[in-house]
Each structure stands twice: as structure tokens, then as C-alpha cells.
Protein backbone atom coordinates (compact mmCIF):
# COMPACT_ATOMS: atom_id res chain seq x y z
CA GLN A 1 12.97 -32.08 32.85
CA VAL A 2 9.67 -32.02 31.43
CA HIS A 3 6.22 -34.00 33.10
CA LEU A 4 2.77 -33.78 31.85
CA VAL A 5 0.41 -34.86 34.39
CA GLU A 6 -2.80 -35.85 33.76
CA THR A 7 -5.80 -35.88 36.11
CA GLY A 8 -9.56 -36.52 35.27
CA GLY A 9 -10.60 -40.52 34.21
CA GLY A 10 -12.93 -42.41 35.50
CA SER A 11 -16.21 -44.24 34.57
CA VAL A 12 -19.58 -42.57 33.10
CA GLN A 13 -22.20 -43.76 31.89
CA ALA A 14 -23.31 -43.54 27.72
CA GLY A 15 -23.73 -39.85 27.42
CA GLY A 16 -22.75 -38.57 29.90
CA SER A 17 -19.35 -36.24 30.67
CA LEU A 18 -15.53 -36.00 31.62
CA ARG A 19 -13.17 -33.61 32.21
CA LEU A 20 -9.64 -34.04 31.73
CA SER A 21 -7.12 -31.97 32.79
CA CYS A 22 -2.66 -32.02 32.00
CA THR A 23 -0.73 -29.51 33.32
CA ALA A 24 2.86 -29.45 32.36
CA SER A 25 5.67 -28.81 34.21
CA GLY A 26 10.14 -28.15 33.22
CA LEU A 27 8.60 -26.78 29.50
CA THR A 28 7.01 -23.22 27.33
CA PHE A 29 5.30 -23.56 24.86
CA GLY A 30 5.68 -20.55 22.39
CA ARG A 31 4.23 -21.47 19.85
CA GLY A 32 4.02 -25.03 20.61
CA THR A 33 1.26 -27.78 20.99
CA MET A 34 -0.38 -29.73 23.83
CA GLY A 35 -3.11 -32.47 22.80
CA TRP A 36 -4.71 -35.92 24.29
CA PHE A 37 -3.85 -38.79 21.92
CA ARG A 38 -5.71 -42.20 23.51
CA GLN A 39 -6.15 -46.21 23.16
CA ALA A 40 -8.54 -49.18 23.40
CA PRO A 41 -8.05 -51.78 24.24
CA GLY A 42 -6.87 -54.35 21.14
CA LYS A 43 -6.44 -50.83 18.66
CA GLU A 44 -3.35 -48.46 17.40
CA ARG A 45 -2.99 -45.16 19.32
CA GLU A 46 -4.75 -41.95 17.86
CA PHE A 47 -4.86 -38.84 17.91
CA VAL A 48 -7.72 -37.07 19.92
CA GLY A 49 -7.40 -33.23 19.82
CA ALA A 50 -4.80 -30.66 20.04
CA ILE A 51 -4.73 -26.87 21.02
CA LYS A 52 -1.54 -23.83 19.86
CA TRP A 53 -0.55 -22.71 22.63
CA LEU A 54 0.06 -19.47 20.54
CA THR A 55 -2.80 -19.40 19.29
CA GLY A 56 -5.72 -21.08 20.74
CA VAL A 57 -6.34 -23.22 17.04
CA THR A 58 -8.01 -26.52 17.67
CA VAL A 59 -8.11 -29.46 15.98
CA PHE A 60 -8.99 -32.87 16.84
CA SER A 61 -10.79 -35.94 15.30
CA ASN A 62 -13.58 -36.55 13.26
CA SER A 63 -14.57 -38.98 16.10
CA VAL A 64 -14.66 -36.95 18.20
CA LYS A 65 -15.15 -33.41 16.42
CA GLY A 66 -18.70 -31.78 18.00
CA ARG A 67 -18.35 -33.88 21.34
CA PHE A 68 -14.95 -33.68 23.14
CA PHE A 69 -12.96 -29.56 23.35
CA ILE A 70 -10.05 -28.64 23.92
CA SER A 71 -9.12 -25.73 26.34
CA LYS A 72 -5.96 -23.75 28.15
CA ASP A 73 -4.48 -22.42 31.15
CA ASN A 74 -1.63 -19.84 29.93
CA ASP A 75 -1.14 -19.14 33.77
CA LYS A 76 -0.91 -22.03 34.86
CA ASN A 77 0.79 -24.04 31.97
CA THR A 78 -3.25 -26.48 32.05
CA VAL A 79 -5.30 -27.69 29.31
CA SER A 80 -8.21 -29.71 29.84
CA LEU A 81 -10.39 -32.10 27.07
CA GLN A 82 -13.31 -31.65 28.34
CA MET A 83 -15.91 -34.30 26.43
CA ASN A 84 -19.22 -34.79 25.75
CA SER A 85 -21.80 -37.36 24.56
CA LEU A 86 -19.72 -39.76 25.98
CA LYS A 87 -19.92 -43.11 23.66
CA PRO A 88 -18.57 -47.12 24.45
CA GLU A 89 -15.94 -46.16 21.62
CA ASP A 90 -14.99 -43.66 23.68
CA THR A 91 -12.87 -46.03 26.18
CA ALA A 92 -9.48 -45.75 26.69
CA VAL A 93 -6.64 -44.61 27.91
CA TYR A 94 -6.54 -40.95 27.37
CA TYR A 95 -2.59 -39.06 26.87
CA CYS A 96 -1.75 -35.62 27.21
CA VAL A 97 1.12 -35.27 25.21
CA ALA A 98 3.24 -31.73 24.49
CA ASP A 99 6.02 -30.26 21.38
CA ARG A 100 7.86 -27.14 21.34
CA GLY A 101 8.26 -26.88 17.72
CA SER A 102 5.78 -24.39 15.60
CA THR A 103 4.18 -26.88 14.08
CA PRO A 104 0.46 -25.68 11.62
CA SER A 105 -2.38 -26.85 12.87
CA GLN A 106 -3.05 -28.72 9.53
CA HIS A 107 -0.15 -31.26 10.27
CA LEU A 108 -1.34 -31.26 14.02
CA ALA A 109 -2.52 -34.80 14.17
CA ASN A 110 -0.02 -36.42 12.01
CA MET A 111 2.79 -35.17 13.76
CA PRO A 112 5.28 -37.08 16.37
CA TYR A 113 4.77 -35.39 19.73
CA ASP A 114 8.01 -34.91 21.94
CA TYR A 115 6.62 -35.41 25.38
CA TRP A 116 3.66 -38.17 27.07
CA GLY A 117 1.93 -38.77 29.78
CA GLN A 118 1.68 -41.42 31.76
CA GLY A 119 -2.05 -41.52 30.55
CA THR A 120 -5.55 -42.08 32.40
CA GLN A 121 -8.26 -44.50 31.87
CA VAL A 122 -11.66 -43.22 30.84
CA THR A 123 -14.05 -45.74 30.53
CA VAL A 124 -18.11 -45.08 28.83
CA SER A 125 -20.33 -47.95 30.14
CA SER A 126 -23.58 -49.08 27.88
């Protein structure tokens, strides 16, 4: 059984930083992908970023590009989302996602992901 467990959410003032981590169990990635989505109150869920497990290639949405970064720890089956220069509009529940498929990086923002975490709240105050 696959489990994704997110840690690291919380509250921060605008301009600050937070780091989210997601540890996967019951899953071996091979050519798969791990990443993050978010959903703000009253808004649709949106893609944040993802990383290809084999190559380490990362993809980000335009709204976070240059501010957010994703890294992985193969030994711990963990990915981390480093969020810098946070803005109030980054406030959302952040969900870790994973998929075992070999989807090319140019499609990572639009593909369906097989596994989702429970989500962790990030609140950025102005």
C-alpha cells in the first residue's frame, strides 16, 4: 500500500520561506515522478512543480518558477519543496503527489497522478 506523508506546513509572513517534505512508502519510482499541487480556498487545484525521479529534471508552474525549488533524496524516498519569497497568494493546502509512469517532463503539469498525500496547510500573511 502506497502512502505519501507531507510535513513542514505552517504560517509565515510574506517574503519568508518554508520547506515541505514528502516521504513515500510502498512505492519504488524507477522512471516515475513526485511533485506538488496546491488548492486555495474557493479555487481549483493547481500544479506547483514536479521532479522526475530518475533524471532529477524539475518542472514548475509559472506562478512559482524562480521562487520554489524541488529536491529529492533517493535513499529516503523523499522529495522536498523549498518555497522562498512567499506571497499571500501562495496560501493553500499543498498536496504531495506521485506517479510510477515514465511521462516526459513536458507533460508533468497536466498528467493525472496516481497517488496523493493528505495535504498540509501553508499560510502566508501580508
